[in-house]
């Protein structure tokens, strides 16, 4: 198979793989990183609130 034949075959295969991945509802790496940062910030806020509640409970 020559290079042109290989390229002709590769394009539909690549499109099929991309469509299959989209159908599986995978997220992009960029979206994943954004959500990871959101989660990390929320964890920090929850931790700070837990410390604050514990301190207030000591005073009560």
N, C-alpha and C. Protein backbone atom coordinates (compact mmCIF):
# COMPACT_ATOMS: atom_id res chain seq x y z
N UNK A 1 0.86 -1.18 0.00
CA UNK A 1 0.00 0.00 0.00
C UNK A 1 0.90 1.23 0.00
N UNK A 2 0.61 2.15 -0.90
CA UNK A 2 1.44 3.36 -0.98
C UNK A 2 0.97 4.40 0.04
N UNK A 3 1.71 5.51 0.12
CA UNK A 3 1.42 6.54 1.11
C UNK A 3 0.04 7.14 0.92
N UNK A 4 -0.37 7.35 -0.34
CA UNK A 4 -1.69 7.94 -0.58
C UNK A 4 -2.80 6.98 -0.15
N UNK A 5 -2.61 5.71 -0.43
CA UNK A 5 -3.59 4.71 -0.01
C UNK A 5 -3.69 4.62 1.49
N UNK A 6 -2.56 4.70 2.16
CA UNK A 6 -2.53 4.67 3.61
C UNK A 6 -3.24 5.89 4.19
N UNK A 7 -2.99 7.06 3.61
CA UNK A 7 -3.64 8.29 4.08
C UNK A 7 -5.14 8.21 3.85
N UNK A 8 -5.55 7.66 2.72
CA UNK A 8 -6.98 7.53 2.41
C UNK A 8 -7.66 6.63 3.44
N UNK A 9 -6.98 5.59 3.86
CA UNK A 9 -7.53 4.69 4.88
C UNK A 9 -7.47 5.32 6.26
N UNK A 10 -6.42 6.08 6.55
CA UNK A 10 -6.21 6.64 7.88
C UNK A 10 -7.28 7.67 8.24
N UNK A 11 -7.69 8.51 7.31
CA UNK A 11 -8.66 9.56 7.63
C UNK A 11 -9.99 8.99 8.14
N UNK A 12 -10.62 8.04 7.46
CA UNK A 12 -11.87 7.50 8.00
C UNK A 12 -11.67 6.76 9.33
N UNK A 13 -10.54 6.08 9.47
CA UNK A 13 -10.26 5.38 10.72
C UNK A 13 -10.10 6.38 11.86
N UNK A 14 -9.35 7.44 11.61
CA UNK A 14 -9.16 8.49 12.62
C UNK A 14 -10.50 9.12 12.99
N UNK A 15 -11.32 9.40 12.01
CA UNK A 15 -12.64 9.97 12.28
C UNK A 15 -13.50 9.01 13.09
N UNK A 16 -13.44 7.73 12.77
CA UNK A 16 -14.21 6.74 13.51
C UNK A 16 -13.76 6.66 14.96
N UNK A 17 -12.46 6.70 15.18
CA UNK A 17 -11.94 6.66 16.55
C UNK A 17 -12.37 7.90 17.31
N UNK A 18 -12.23 9.06 16.70
CA UNK A 18 -12.65 10.31 17.37
C UNK A 18 -14.13 10.27 17.73
N UNK A 19 -14.97 9.82 16.80
CA UNK A 19 -16.40 9.76 17.05
C UNK A 19 -16.71 8.76 18.16
N UNK A 20 -16.02 7.64 18.15
CA UNK A 20 -16.24 6.64 19.20
C UNK A 20 -15.88 7.20 20.57
N UNK A 21 -14.77 7.93 20.65
CA UNK A 21 -14.37 8.53 21.93
C UNK A 21 -15.38 9.58 22.37
N UNK A 22 -15.90 10.36 21.45
CA UNK A 22 -16.91 11.36 21.80
C UNK A 22 -18.18 10.69 22.29
N UNK A 23 -18.55 9.59 21.66
CA UNK A 23 -19.75 8.87 22.07
C UNK A 23 -19.60 8.29 23.48
N UNK A 24 -18.37 8.01 23.88
CA UNK A 24 -18.12 7.48 25.22
C UNK A 24 -18.09 8.59 26.26
N UNK A 25 -18.25 9.81 25.85
CA UNK A 25 -18.32 10.98 26.71
C UNK A 25 -17.03 11.20 27.51
N UNK A 26 -15.89 10.94 26.89
CA UNK A 26 -14.62 11.31 27.50
C UNK A 26 -14.51 12.82 27.50
N UNK A 27 -13.79 13.35 28.46
CA UNK A 27 -13.56 14.79 28.50
C UNK A 27 -12.16 15.09 28.01
N UNK A 28 -11.97 16.30 27.56
CA UNK A 28 -10.64 16.69 27.10
C UNK A 28 -9.72 16.86 28.31
N UNK A 29 -8.44 16.82 28.07
CA UNK A 29 -7.47 17.02 29.15
C UNK A 29 -7.64 18.40 29.76
N UNK A 30 -7.93 19.39 28.92
CA UNK A 30 -8.14 20.76 29.41
C UNK A 30 -9.32 20.81 30.37
N UNK A 31 -10.45 20.20 30.00
CA UNK A 31 -11.62 20.19 30.88
C UNK A 31 -11.33 19.43 32.17
N UNK A 32 -10.59 18.35 32.06
CA UNK A 32 -10.22 17.57 33.24
C UNK A 32 -9.38 18.42 34.20
N UNK A 33 -8.40 19.13 33.67
CA UNK A 33 -7.53 19.96 34.50
C UNK A 33 -8.33 21.07 35.19
N UNK A 34 -9.27 21.66 34.47
CA UNK A 34 -10.11 22.71 35.06
C UNK A 34 -10.90 22.14 36.23
N UNK A 35 -11.51 20.99 36.04
CA UNK A 35 -12.31 20.38 37.10
C UNK A 35 -11.44 19.96 38.28
N UNK A 36 -10.22 19.53 38.00
CA UNK A 36 -9.32 19.16 39.08
C UNK A 36 -8.98 20.38 39.93
N UNK A 37 -8.75 21.53 39.29
CA UNK A 37 -8.46 22.75 40.03
C UNK A 37 -9.67 23.19 40.86
N UNK A 38 -10.86 23.09 40.29
CA UNK A 38 -12.08 23.43 41.03
C UNK A 38 -12.20 22.53 42.26
N UNK A 39 -11.99 21.25 42.07
CA UNK A 39 -12.07 20.30 43.18
C UNK A 39 -11.03 20.61 44.25
N UNK A 40 -9.82 20.93 43.86
CA UNK A 40 -8.78 21.26 44.84
C UNK A 40 -9.14 22.49 45.65
N UNK A 41 -9.68 23.52 44.98
CA UNK A 41 -10.10 24.73 45.70
C UNK A 41 -11.23 24.41 46.68
N UNK A 42 -12.17 23.58 46.26
CA UNK A 42 -13.27 23.21 47.15
C UNK A 42 -12.77 22.41 48.35
N UNK A 43 -11.82 21.53 48.12
CA UNK A 43 -11.24 20.77 49.24
C UNK A 43 -10.60 21.71 50.25
N UNK A 44 -9.88 22.71 49.75
CA UNK A 44 -9.24 23.67 50.64
C UNK A 44 -10.27 24.45 51.44
N UNK A 45 -11.36 24.85 50.78
CA UNK A 45 -12.42 25.60 51.48
C UNK A 45 -13.09 24.73 52.53
N UNK A 46 -13.37 23.48 52.19
CA UNK A 46 -14.00 22.57 53.15
C UNK A 46 -13.08 22.36 54.35
N UNK A 47 -11.81 22.18 54.10
CA UNK A 47 -10.86 21.99 55.19
C UNK A 47 -10.83 23.22 56.10
N UNK A 48 -10.81 24.40 55.50
CA UNK A 48 -10.80 25.64 56.29
C UNK A 48 -12.09 25.75 57.11
N UNK A 49 -13.21 25.40 56.52
CA UNK A 49 -14.47 25.46 57.25
C UNK A 49 -14.52 24.43 58.38
N UNK A 50 -13.97 23.25 58.14
CA UNK A 50 -13.92 22.24 59.20
C UNK A 50 -13.09 22.74 60.38
N UNK A 51 -11.97 23.38 60.09
CA UNK A 51 -11.15 23.94 61.17
C UNK A 51 -11.90 25.03 61.92
N UNK A 52 -12.61 25.85 61.18
CA UNK A 52 -13.37 26.94 61.82
C UNK A 52 -14.49 26.40 62.70
N UNK A 53 -15.20 25.39 62.21
CA UNK A 53 -16.28 24.78 63.00
C UNK A 53 -15.69 24.15 64.27
N UNK A 54 -14.58 23.46 64.13
CA UNK A 54 -13.96 22.84 65.30
C UNK A 54 -13.57 23.90 66.33
N UNK A 55 -13.04 25.01 65.87
CA UNK A 55 -12.66 26.10 66.78
C UNK A 55 -13.89 26.69 67.46
N UNK A 56 -14.96 26.89 66.72
CA UNK A 56 -16.19 27.43 67.30
C UNK A 56 -16.80 26.46 68.30
N UNK A 57 -16.71 25.17 68.02
CA UNK A 57 -17.25 24.17 68.94
C UNK A 57 -16.46 24.16 70.25
N UNK A 58 -15.17 24.43 70.19
CA UNK A 58 -14.36 24.50 71.41
C UNK A 58 -14.81 25.66 72.29
N UNK A 59 -15.18 26.77 71.65
CA UNK A 59 -15.57 27.97 72.38
C UNK A 59 -16.97 27.86 72.96
N UNK A 60 -17.80 26.99 72.38
CA UNK A 60 -19.20 26.89 72.82
C UNK A 60 -19.34 26.10 74.10
